[in-house]
């Protein structure tokens, strides 16, 4: 899986996530990440984030988070941020955020 590092992102920010996503597995990214991150609590959606056009995440009262890495699983974009936040963006613009640290 190809990973694009941005805004000072490093392989440490990406971790094992690319190894948990398999193009041949027809399930969406959310389900694949949930299965592989079960020891860390699985994929737990955290509500309240707003997503800007440049993929910056905003949460009221917190500093904006710029993406540190991007990757794609078919038509889903997965972005990694500081503090272990991971976002999955769907083609229709809907998204989910979870902490995977």
PDB file of N, CA and C in Angstrom:
ATOM      1  N   UNK A   1       0.848  -1.173   0.000  1.00  0.00           N
ATOM      2  CA  UNK A   1       0.000   0.000   0.000  1.00  0.00           C
ATOM      3  C   UNK A   1       0.895   1.237   0.000  1.00  0.00           C
ATOM      4  N   UNK A   2       0.587   2.169  -0.873  1.00  0.00           N
ATOM      5  CA  UNK A   2       1.354   3.404  -0.947  1.00  0.00           C
ATOM      6  C   UNK A   2       0.909   4.368   0.137  1.00  0.00           C
ATOM      7  N   UNK A   3       1.886   5.001   0.775  1.00  0.00           N
ATOM      8  CA  UNK A   3       1.634   5.975   1.825  1.00  0.00           C
ATOM      9  C   UNK A   3       2.304   7.278   1.421  1.00  0.00           C
ATOM     10  N   UNK A   4       1.572   8.372   1.533  1.00  0.00           N
ATOM     11  CA  UNK A   4       2.123   9.697   1.270  1.00  0.00           C
ATOM     12  C   UNK A   4       2.300  10.394   2.604  1.00  0.00           C
ATOM     13  N   UNK A   5       3.549  10.785   2.916  1.00  0.00           N
ATOM     14  CA  UNK A   5       3.833  11.516   4.151  1.00  0.00           C
ATOM     15  C   UNK A   5       3.704  13.012   3.873  1.00  0.00           C
ATOM     16  N   UNK A   6       3.099  13.742   4.808  1.00  0.00           N
ATOM     17  CA  UNK A   6       2.850  15.177   4.685  1.00  0.00           C
ATOM     18  C   UNK A   6       3.164  15.881   5.995  1.00  0.00           C
ATOM     19  N   UNK A   7       3.379  17.175   5.932  1.00  0.00           N
ATOM     20  CA  UNK A   7       3.423  18.028   7.122  1.00  0.00           C
ATOM     21  C   UNK A   7       4.326  17.483   8.222  1.00  0.00           C
ATOM     22  N   UNK A   8       5.483  16.939   7.842  1.00  0.00           N
ATOM     23  CA  UNK A   8       6.420  16.413   8.826  1.00  0.00           C
ATOM     24  C   UNK A   8       6.104  15.009   9.299  1.00  0.00           C
ATOM     25  N   UNK A   9       5.165  14.324   8.661  1.00  0.00           N
ATOM     26  CA  UNK A   9       4.827  12.957   9.040  1.00  0.00           C
ATOM     27  C   UNK A   9       5.993  12.010   8.813  1.00  0.00           C
ATOM     28  N   UNK A  10       6.078  10.986   9.638  1.00  0.00           N
ATOM     29  CA  UNK A  10       7.135   9.987   9.543  1.00  0.00           C
ATOM     30  C   UNK A  10       6.510   8.590   9.543  1.00  0.00           C
ATOM     31  N   UNK A  11       7.290   7.568   9.220  1.00  0.00           N
ATOM     32  CA  UNK A  11       6.756   6.203   9.306  1.00  0.00           C
ATOM     33  C   UNK A  11       6.215   5.860  10.698  1.00  0.00           C
ATOM     34  N   UNK A  12       6.744   6.473  11.740  1.00  0.00           N
ATOM     35  CA  UNK A  12       6.227   6.228  13.088  1.00  0.00           C
ATOM     36  C   UNK A  12       4.778   6.681  13.237  1.00  0.00           C
ATOM     37  N   UNK A  13       4.394   7.717  12.519  1.00  0.00           N
ATOM     38  CA  UNK A  13       3.006   8.183  12.577  1.00  0.00           C
ATOM     39  C   UNK A  13       2.060   7.200  11.893  1.00  0.00           C
ATOM     40  N   UNK A  14       2.578   6.425  10.946  1.00  0.00           N
ATOM     41  CA  UNK A  14       1.776   5.479  10.178  1.00  0.00           C
ATOM     42  C   UNK A  14       1.663   4.145  10.901  1.00  0.00           C
ATOM     43  N   UNK A  15       2.748   3.707  11.516  1.00  0.00           N
ATOM     44  CA  UNK A  15       2.746   2.451  12.257  1.00  0.00           C
ATOM     45  C   UNK A  15       2.400   1.255  11.393  1.00  0.00           C
ATOM     46  N   UNK A  16       1.583   0.359  11.926  1.00  0.00           N
ATOM     47  CA  UNK A  16       1.219  -0.892  11.249  1.00  0.00           C
ATOM     48  C   UNK A  16      -0.009  -0.772  10.357  1.00  0.00           C
ATOM     49  N   UNK A  17      -0.630   0.380  10.341  1.00  0.00           N
ATOM     50  CA  UNK A  17      -1.901   0.534   9.631  1.00  0.00           C
ATOM     51  C   UNK A  17      -1.843   0.047   8.179  1.00  0.00           C
ATOM     52  N   UNK A  18      -0.809   0.368   7.397  1.00  0.00           N
ATOM     53  CA  UNK A  18      -0.804  -0.138   6.016  1.00  0.00           C
ATOM     54  C   UNK A  18      -0.802  -1.667   5.926  1.00  0.00           C
ATOM     55  N   UNK A  19      -0.237  -2.322   6.907  1.00  0.00           N
ATOM     56  CA  UNK A  19      -0.183  -3.788   6.913  1.00  0.00           C
ATOM     57  C   UNK A  19      -1.532  -4.402   7.302  1.00  0.00           C
ATOM     58  N   UNK A  20      -2.409  -3.623   7.879  1.00  0.00           N
ATOM     59  CA  UNK A  20      -3.718  -4.098   8.309  1.00  0.00           C
ATOM     60  C   UNK A  20      -4.781  -3.954   7.227  1.00  0.00           C
ATOM     61  N   UNK A  21      -4.443  -3.272   6.151  1.00  0.00           N
ATOM     62  CA  UNK A  21      -5.404  -3.026   5.080  1.00  0.00           C
ATOM     63  C   UNK A  21      -5.035  -3.862   3.859  1.00  0.00           C
ATOM     64  N   UNK A  22      -5.985  -4.643   3.389  1.00  0.00           N
ATOM     65  CA  UNK A  22      -5.745  -5.578   2.296  1.00  0.00           C
ATOM     66  C   UNK A  22      -6.743  -5.308   1.173  1.00  0.00           C
ATOM     67  N   UNK A  23      -6.229  -4.924   0.013  1.00  0.00           N
ATOM     68  CA  UNK A  23      -7.079  -4.646  -1.158  1.00  0.00           C
ATOM     69  C   UNK A  23      -7.931  -5.851  -1.539  1.00  0.00           C
ATOM     70  N   UNK A  24      -7.430  -7.063  -1.299  1.00  0.00           N
ATOM     71  CA  UNK A  24      -8.167  -8.273  -1.678  1.00  0.00           C
ATOM     72  C   UNK A  24      -9.300  -8.598  -0.701  1.00  0.00           C
ATOM     73  N   UNK A  25      -9.268  -7.992   0.461  1.00  0.00           N
ATOM     74  CA  UNK A  25     -10.336  -8.149   1.452  1.00  0.00           C
ATOM     75  C   UNK A  25     -11.423  -7.143   1.068  1.00  0.00           C
ATOM     76  N   UNK A  26     -12.599  -7.606   0.741  1.00  0.00           N
ATOM     77  CA  UNK A  26     -13.665  -6.737   0.231  1.00  0.00           C
ATOM     78  C   UNK A  26     -14.304  -5.849   1.304  1.00  0.00           C
ATOM     79  N   UNK A  27     -13.972  -6.078   2.569  1.00  0.00           N
ATOM     80  CA  UNK A  27     -14.552  -5.253   3.636  1.00  0.00           C
ATOM     81  C   UNK A  27     -13.994  -3.836   3.584  1.00  0.00           C
ATOM     82  N   UNK A  28     -14.760  -2.867   4.076  1.00  0.00           N
ATOM     83  CA  UNK A  28     -14.264  -1.486   4.119  1.00  0.00           C
ATOM     84  C   UNK A  28     -13.137  -1.333   5.141  1.00  0.00           C
ATOM     85  N   UNK A  29     -12.425  -0.217   5.042  1.00  0.00           N
ATOM     86  CA  UNK A  29     -11.290   0.055   5.922  1.00  0.00           C
ATOM     87  C   UNK A  29     -11.684  -0.018   7.394  1.00  0.00           C
ATOM     88  N   UNK A  30     -12.838   0.522   7.731  1.00  0.00           N
ATOM     89  CA  UNK A  30     -13.288   0.527   9.129  1.00  0.00           C
ATOM     90  C   UNK A  30     -13.308  -0.879   9.708  1.00  0.00           C
ATOM     91  N   UNK A  31     -13.864  -1.831   8.969  1.00  0.00           N
ATOM     92  CA  UNK A  31     -13.954  -3.205   9.462  1.00  0.00           C
ATOM     93  C   UNK A  31     -12.583  -3.874   9.555  1.00  0.00           C
ATOM     94  N   UNK A  32     -11.736  -3.628   8.562  1.00  0.00           N
ATOM     95  CA  UNK A  32     -10.399  -4.216   8.602  1.00  0.00           C
ATOM     96  C   UNK A  32      -9.586  -3.645   9.765  1.00  0.00           C
ATOM     97  N   UNK A  33      -9.644  -2.338   9.966  1.00  0.00           N
ATOM     98  CA  UNK A  33      -8.903  -1.726  11.075  1.00  0.00           C
ATOM     99  C   UNK A  33      -9.455  -2.193  12.416  1.00  0.00           C
ATOM    100  N   UNK A  34     -10.764  -2.320  12.517  1.00  0.00           N
ATOM    101  CA  UNK A  34     -11.373  -2.797  13.750  1.00  0.00           C
ATOM    102  C   UNK A  34     -10.851  -4.192  14.107  1.00  0.00           C
ATOM    103  N   UNK A  35     -10.803  -5.075  13.134  1.00  0.00           N
ATOM    104  CA  UNK A  35     -10.333  -6.442  13.381  1.00  0.00           C
ATOM    105  C   UNK A  35      -8.878  -6.470  13.849  1.00  0.00           C
ATOM    106  N   UNK A  36      -8.034  -5.713  13.192  1.00  0.00           N
ATOM    107  CA  UNK A  36      -6.603  -5.776  13.492  1.00  0.00           C
ATOM    108  C   UNK A  36      -6.205  -4.965  14.720  1.00  0.00           C
ATOM    109  N   UNK A  37      -7.050  -4.063  15.151  1.00  0.00           N
ATOM    110  CA  UNK A  37      -6.729  -3.219  16.311  1.00  0.00           C
ATOM    111  C   UNK A  37      -7.522  -3.645  17.549  1.00  0.00           C
ATOM    112  N   UNK A  38      -8.039  -4.844  17.565  1.00  0.00           N
ATOM    113  CA  UNK A  38      -8.856  -5.298  18.694  1.00  0.00           C
ATOM    114  C   UNK A  38      -8.105  -5.209  20.023  1.00  0.00           C
ATOM    115  N   UNK A  39      -6.798  -5.476  20.021  1.00  0.00           N
ATOM    116  CA  UNK A  39      -6.032  -5.386  21.273  1.00  0.00           C
ATOM    117  C   UNK A  39      -5.984  -3.964  21.802  1.00  0.00           C
ATOM    118  N   UNK A  40      -6.176  -2.993  20.917  1.00  0.00           N
ATOM    119  CA  UNK A  40      -6.167  -1.596  21.322  1.00  0.00           C
ATOM    120  C   UNK A  40      -7.559  -1.017  21.505  1.00  0.00           C
ATOM    121  N   UNK A  41      -8.575  -1.862  21.446  1.00  0.00           N
ATOM    122  CA  UNK A  41      -9.942  -1.395  21.648  1.00  0.00           C
ATOM    123  C   UNK A  41     -10.787  -1.384  20.401  1.00  0.00           C
ATOM    124  N   UNK A  42     -10.197  -1.720  19.248  1.00  0.00           N
ATOM    125  CA  UNK A  42     -10.953  -1.718  18.001  1.00  0.00           C
ATOM    126  C   UNK A  42     -11.207  -0.299  17.500  1.00  0.00           C
ATOM    127  N   UNK A  43     -11.926  -0.203  16.408  1.00  0.00           N
ATOM    128  CA  UNK A  43     -12.279   1.103  15.840  1.00  0.00           C
ATOM    129  C   UNK A  43     -13.446   1.651  16.640  1.00  0.00           C
ATOM    130  N   UNK A  44     -13.224   2.733  17.348  1.00  0.00           N
ATOM    131  CA  UNK A  44     -14.260   3.396  18.141  1.00  0.00           C
ATOM    132  C   UNK A  44     -14.446   4.809  17.590  1.00  0.00           C
ATOM    133  N   UNK A  45     -15.541   5.042  16.903  1.00  0.00           N
ATOM    134  CA  UNK A  45     -15.777   6.350  16.297  1.00  0.00           C
ATOM    135  C   UNK A  45     -15.883   7.422  17.374  1.00  0.00           C
ATOM    136  N   UNK A  46     -15.183   8.542  17.152  1.00  0.00           N
ATOM    137  CA  UNK A  46     -15.193   9.685  18.053  1.00  0.00           C
ATOM    138  C   UNK A  46     -15.880  10.829  17.317  1.00  0.00           C
ATOM    139  N   UNK A  47     -17.027  11.233  17.802  1.00  0.00           N
ATOM    140  CA  UNK A  47     -17.813  12.284  17.147  1.00  0.00           C
ATOM    141  C   UNK A  47     -17.357  13.675  17.561  1.00  0.00           C
ATOM    142  N   UNK A  48     -17.663  14.654  16.728  1.00  0.00           N
ATOM    143  CA  UNK A  48     -17.424  16.044  17.057  1.00  0.00           C
ATOM    144  C   UNK A  48     -16.370  16.722  16.189  1.00  0.00           C
ATOM    145  N   UNK A  49     -15.650  15.962  15.377  1.00  0.00           N
ATOM    146  CA  UNK A  49     -14.651  16.564  14.497  1.00  0.00           C
ATOM    147  C   UNK A  49     -15.323  17.188  13.280  1.00  0.00           C
ATOM    148  N   UNK A  50     -14.708  18.254  12.787  1.00  0.00           N
ATOM    149  CA  UNK A  50     -15.085  18.860  11.516  1.00  0.00           C
ATOM    150  C   UNK A  50     -13.903  18.661  10.573  1.00  0.00           C
ATOM    151  N   UNK A  51     -14.203  18.403   9.306  1.00  0.00           N
ATOM    152  CA  UNK A  51     -13.164  18.154   8.314  1.00  0.00           C
ATOM    153  C   UNK A  51     -13.124  19.298   7.314  1.00  0.00           C
ATOM    154  N   UNK A  52     -11.949  19.896   7.164  1.00  0.00           N
ATOM    155  CA  UNK A  52     -11.746  20.975   6.196  1.00  0.00           C
ATOM    156  C   UNK A  52     -11.381  20.369   4.835  1.00  0.00           C
ATOM    157  N   UNK A  53     -11.443  21.180   3.800  1.00  0.00           N
ATOM    158  CA  UNK A  53     -11.127  20.712   2.444  1.00  0.00           C
ATOM    159  C   UNK A  53      -9.712  20.172   2.311  1.00  0.00           C
ATOM    160  N   UNK A  54      -8.772  20.724   3.080  1.00  0.00           N
ATOM    161  CA  UNK A  54      -7.376  20.270   2.999  1.00  0.00           C
ATOM    162  C   UNK A  54      -7.122  19.070   3.912  1.00  0.00           C
ATOM    163  N   UNK A  55      -8.185  18.465   4.406  1.00  0.00           N
ATOM    164  CA  UNK A  55      -8.166  17.284   5.277  1.00  0.00           C
ATOM    165  C   UNK A  55      -7.695  17.591   6.694  1.00  0.00           C
ATOM    166  N   UNK A  56      -7.654  18.873   7.051  1.00  0.00           N
ATOM    167  CA  UNK A  56      -7.378  19.252   8.431  1.00  0.00           C
ATOM    168  C   UNK A  56      -8.603  18.919   9.277  1.00  0.00           C
ATOM    169  N   UNK A  57      -8.355  18.314  10.448  1.00  0.00           N
ATOM    170  CA  UNK A  57      -9.430  18.024  11.400  1.00  0.00           C
ATOM    171  C   UNK A  57      -9.500  19.136  12.430  1.00  0.00           C
ATOM    172  N   UNK A  58     -10.704  19.545  12.757  1.00  0.00           N
ATOM    173  CA  UNK A  58     -10.910  20.548  13.803  1.00  0.00           C
ATOM    174  C   UNK A  58     -11.881  20.000  14.840  1.00  0.00           C
ATOM    175  N   UNK A  59     -11.567  20.285  16.084  1.00  0.00           N
ATOM    176  CA  UNK A  59     -12.436  19.917  17.200  1.00  0.00           C
ATOM    177  C   UNK A  59     -12.508  21.137  18.094  1.00  0.00           C
ATOM    178  N   UNK A  60     -13.717  21.568  18.442  1.00  0.00           N
ATOM    179  CA  UNK A  60     -13.890  22.793  19.231  1.00  0.00           C
ATOM    180  C   UNK A  60     -12.972  22.793  20.453  1.00  0.00           C
ATOM    181  N   UNK A  61     -12.210  23.892  20.586  1.00  0.00           N
ATOM    182  CA  UNK A  61     -11.333  24.068  21.736  1.00  0.00           C
ATOM    183  C   UNK A  61      -9.945  23.486  21.569  1.00  0.00           C
ATOM    184  N   UNK A  62      -9.705  22.717  20.515  1.00  0.00           N
ATOM    185  CA  UNK A  62      -8.387  22.116  20.275  1.00  0.00           C
ATOM    186  C   UNK A  62      -7.743  22.749  19.059  1.00  0.00           C
ATOM    187  N   UNK A  63      -6.416  22.621  18.983  1.00  0.00           N
ATOM    188  CA  UNK A  63      -5.709  23.112  17.805  1.00  0.00           C
ATOM    189  C   UNK A  63      -6.064  22.237  16.599  1.00  0.00           C
ATOM    190  N   UNK A  64      -6.127  22.828  15.399  1.00  0.00           N
ATOM    191  CA  UNK A  64      -6.401  22.031  14.202  1.00  0.00           C
ATOM    192  C   UNK A  64      -5.300  20.993  13.985  1.00  0.00           C
ATOM    193  N   UNK A  65      -5.684  19.850  13.439  1.00  0.00           N
ATOM    194  CA  UNK A  65      -4.734  18.772  13.159  1.00  0.00           C
ATOM    195  C   UNK A  65      -4.597  18.595  11.653  1.00  0.00           C
ATOM    196  N   UNK A  66      -3.384  18.770  11.146  1.00  0.00           N
ATOM    197  CA  UNK A  66      -3.120  18.535   9.731  1.00  0.00           C
ATOM    198  C   UNK A  66      -2.753  17.069   9.527  1.00  0.00           C
ATOM    199  N   UNK A  67      -3.115  16.497   8.391  1.00  0.00           N
ATOM    200  CA  UNK A  67      -2.766  15.094   8.159  1.00  0.00           C
ATOM    201  C   UNK A  67      -1.258  14.921   8.044  1.00  0.00           C
ATOM    202  N   UNK A  68      -0.756  13.846   8.648  1.00  0.00           N
ATOM    203  CA  UNK A  68       0.667  13.523   8.585  1.00  0.00           C
ATOM    204  C   UNK A  68       0.945  12.458   7.537  1.00  0.00           C
ATOM    205  N   UNK A  69      -0.086  11.689   7.175  1.00  0.00           N
ATOM    206  CA  UNK A  69       0.072  10.652   6.155  1.00  0.00           C
ATOM    207  C   UNK A  69      -1.289  10.345   5.551  1.00  0.00           C
ATOM    208  N   UNK A  70      -1.266   9.986   4.279  1.00  0.00           N
ATOM    209  CA  UNK A  70      -2.478   9.598   3.556  1.00  0.00           C
ATOM    210  C   UNK A  70      -2.243   8.279   2.843  1.00  0.00           C
ATOM    211  N   UNK A  71      -3.285   7.466   2.754  1.00  0.00           N
ATOM    212  CA  UNK A  71      -3.262   6.236   1.969  1.00  0.00           C
ATOM    213  C   UNK A  71      -4.679   5.952   1.505  1.00  0.00           C
ATOM    214  N   UNK A  72      -4.812   5.082   0.527  1.00  0.00           N
ATOM    215  CA  UNK A  72      -6.123   4.765  -0.012  1.00  0.00           C
ATOM    216  C   UNK A  72      -6.352   3.262  -0.011  1.00  0.00           C
ATOM    217  N   UNK A  73      -7.565   2.876   0.326  1.00  0.00           N
ATOM    218  CA  UNK A  73      -8.037   1.506   0.177  1.00  0.00           C
ATOM    219  C   UNK A  73      -9.232   1.604  -0.766  1.00  0.00           C
ATOM    220  N   UNK A  74      -9.001   1.207  -2.014  1.00  0.00           N
ATOM    221  CA  UNK A  74      -9.995   1.384  -3.064  1.00  0.00           C
ATOM    222  C   UNK A  74     -10.461   2.842  -3.108  1.00  0.00           C
ATOM    223  N   UNK A  75     -11.726   3.142  -2.785  1.00  0.00           N
ATOM    224  CA  UNK A  75     -12.215   4.523  -2.877  1.00  0.00           C
ATOM    225  C   UNK A  75     -12.268   5.238  -1.525  1.00  0.00           C
ATOM    226  N   UNK A  76     -11.703   4.636  -0.490  1.00  0.00           N
ATOM    227  CA  UNK A  76     -11.654   5.263   0.834  1.00  0.00           C
ATOM    228  C   UNK A  76     -10.264   5.864   1.067  1.00  0.00           C
ATOM    229  N   UNK A  77     -10.220   7.068   1.606  1.00  0.00           N
ATOM    230  CA  UNK A  77      -8.947   7.672   1.974  1.00  0.00           C
ATOM    231  C   UNK A  77      -8.762   7.536   3.481  1.00  0.00           C
ATOM    232  N   UNK A  78      -7.593   7.101   3.888  1.00  0.00           N
ATOM    233  CA  UNK A  78      -7.266   6.968   5.305  1.00  0.00           C
ATOM    234  C   UNK A  78      -6.178   7.994   5.601  1.00  0.00           C
ATOM    235  N   UNK A  79      -6.387   8.795   6.632  1.00  0.00           N
ATOM    236  CA  UNK A  79      -5.413   9.817   7.018  1.00  0.00           C
ATOM    237  C   UNK A  79      -5.017   9.627   8.475  1.00  0.00           C
ATOM    238  N   UNK A  80      -3.732   9.815   8.756  1.00  0.00           N
ATOM    239  CA  UNK A  80      -3.202   9.736  10.116  1.00  0.00           C
ATOM    240  C   UNK A  80      -2.820  11.137  10.591  1.00  0.00           C
ATOM    241  N   UNK A  81      -3.055  11.374  11.880  1.00  0.00           N
ATOM    242  CA  UNK A  81      -2.812  12.672  12.497  1.00  0.00           C
ATOM    243  C   UNK A  81      -2.026  12.486  13.793  1.00  0.00           C
ATOM    244  N   UNK A  82      -1.564  13.594  14.350  1.00  0.00           N
ATOM    245  CA  UNK A  82      -0.904  13.547  15.660  1.00  0.00           C
ATOM    246  C   UNK A  82      -1.845  12.934  16.695  1.00  0.00           C
ATOM    247  N   UNK A  83      -1.237  12.448  17.746  1.00  0.00           N
ATOM    248  CA  UNK A  83      -1.966  11.902  18.896  1.00  0.00           C
ATOM    249  C   UNK A  83      -2.740  10.620  18.566  1.00  0.00           C
ATOM    250  N   UNK A  84      -2.381   9.953  17.460  1.00  0.00           N
ATOM    251  CA  UNK A  84      -2.996   8.679  17.142  1.00  0.00           C
ATOM    252  C   UNK A  84      -4.371   8.764  16.499  1.00  0.00           C
ATOM    253  N   UNK A  85      -4.799   9.933  16.065  1.00  0.00           N
ATOM    254  CA  UNK A  85      -6.096  10.056  15.403  1.00  0.00           C
ATOM    255  C   UNK A  85      -5.992   9.533  13.980  1.00  0.00           C
ATOM    256  N   UNK A  86      -6.997   8.767  13.561  1.00  0.00           N
ATOM    257  CA  UNK A  86      -7.078   8.214  12.210  1.00  0.00           C
ATOM    258  C   UNK A  86      -8.463   8.560  11.663  1.00  0.00           C
ATOM    259  N   UNK A  87      -8.488   8.998  10.413  1.00  0.00           N
ATOM    260  CA  UNK A  87      -9.739   9.378   9.780  1.00  0.00           C
ATOM    261  C   UNK A  87      -9.932   8.547   8.513  1.00  0.00           C
ATOM    262  N   UNK A  88     -11.144   8.081   8.281  1.00  0.00           N
ATOM    263  CA  UNK A  88     -11.506   7.399   7.040  1.00  0.00           C
ATOM    264  C   UNK A  88     -12.529   8.278   6.332  1.00  0.00           C
ATOM    265  N   UNK A  89     -12.190   8.692   5.117  1.00  0.00           N
ATOM    266  CA  UNK A  89     -13.047   9.561   4.317  1.00  0.00           C
ATOM    267  C   UNK A  89     -13.677   8.744   3.194  1.00  0.00           C
ATOM    268  N   UNK A  90     -14.997   8.827   3.080  1.00  0.00           N
ATOM    269  CA  UNK A  90     -15.738   8.124   2.036  1.00  0.00           C
ATOM    270  C   UNK A  90     -15.888   9.017   0.797  1.00  0.00           C
ATOM    271  N   UNK A  91     -16.137   8.422  -0.361  1.00  0.00           N
ATOM    272  CA  UNK A  91     -16.298   9.212  -1.589  1.00  0.00           C
ATOM    273  C   UNK A  91     -17.414  10.257  -1.510  1.00  0.00           C
ATOM    274  N   UNK A  92     -18.437  10.019  -0.689  1.00  0.00           N
ATOM    275  CA  UNK A  92     -19.543  10.975  -0.577  1.00  0.00           C
ATOM    276  C   UNK A  92     -19.243  12.124   0.392  1.00  0.00           C
ATOM    277  N   UNK A  93     -18.028  12.142   0.963  1.00  0.00           N
ATOM    278  CA  UNK A  93     -17.625  13.211   1.880  1.00  0.00           C
ATOM    279  C   UNK A  93     -17.859  12.895   3.341  1.00  0.00           C
ATOM    280  N   UNK A  94     -18.563  11.821   3.641  1.00  0.00           N
ATOM    281  CA  UNK A  94     -18.741  11.436   5.049  1.00  0.00           C
ATOM    282  C   UNK A  94     -17.420  10.867   5.574  1.00  0.00           C
ATOM    283  N   UNK A  95     -17.235  10.966   6.895  1.00  0.00           N
ATOM    284  CA  UNK A  95     -15.980  10.493   7.472  1.00  0.00           C
ATOM    285  C   UNK A  95     -16.198  10.039   8.896  1.00  0.00           C
ATOM    286  N   UNK A  96     -15.259   9.231   9.365  1.00  0.00           N
ATOM    287  CA  UNK A  96     -15.223   8.780  10.755  1.00  0.00           C
ATOM    288  C   UNK A  96     -13.812   8.978  11.269  1.00  0.00           C
ATOM    289  N   UNK A  97     -13.708   9.256  12.562  1.00  0.00           N
ATOM    290  CA  UNK A  97     -12.413   9.436  13.208  1.00  0.00           C
ATOM    291  C   UNK A  97     -12.357   8.527  14.412  1.00  0.00           C
ATOM    292  N   UNK A  98     -11.195   7.909  14.614  1.00  0.00           N
ATOM    293  CA  UNK A  98     -10.970   7.058  15.780  1.00  0.00           C
ATOM    294  C   UNK A  98      -9.547   7.284  16.268  1.00  0.00           C
ATOM    295  N   UNK A  99      -9.325   7.007  17.542  1.00  0.00           N
ATOM    296  CA  UNK A  99      -7.959   7.102  18.079  1.00  0.00           C
ATOM    297  C   UNK A  99      -7.380   5.701  18.092  1.00  0.00           C
ATOM    298  N   UNK A 100      -6.218   5.565  17.468  1.00  0.00           N
ATOM    299  CA  UNK A 100      -5.551   4.273  17.355  1.00  0.00           C
ATOM    300  C   UNK A 100      -4.097   4.459  17.753  1.00  0.00           C
ATOM    301  N   UNK A 101      -3.849   4.617  19.052  1.00  0.00           N
ATOM    302  CA  UNK A 101      -2.483   4.852  19.510  1.00  0.00           C
ATOM    303  C   UNK A 101      -1.874   3.645  20.149  1.00  0.00           C
TER     304      UNK A 101
END
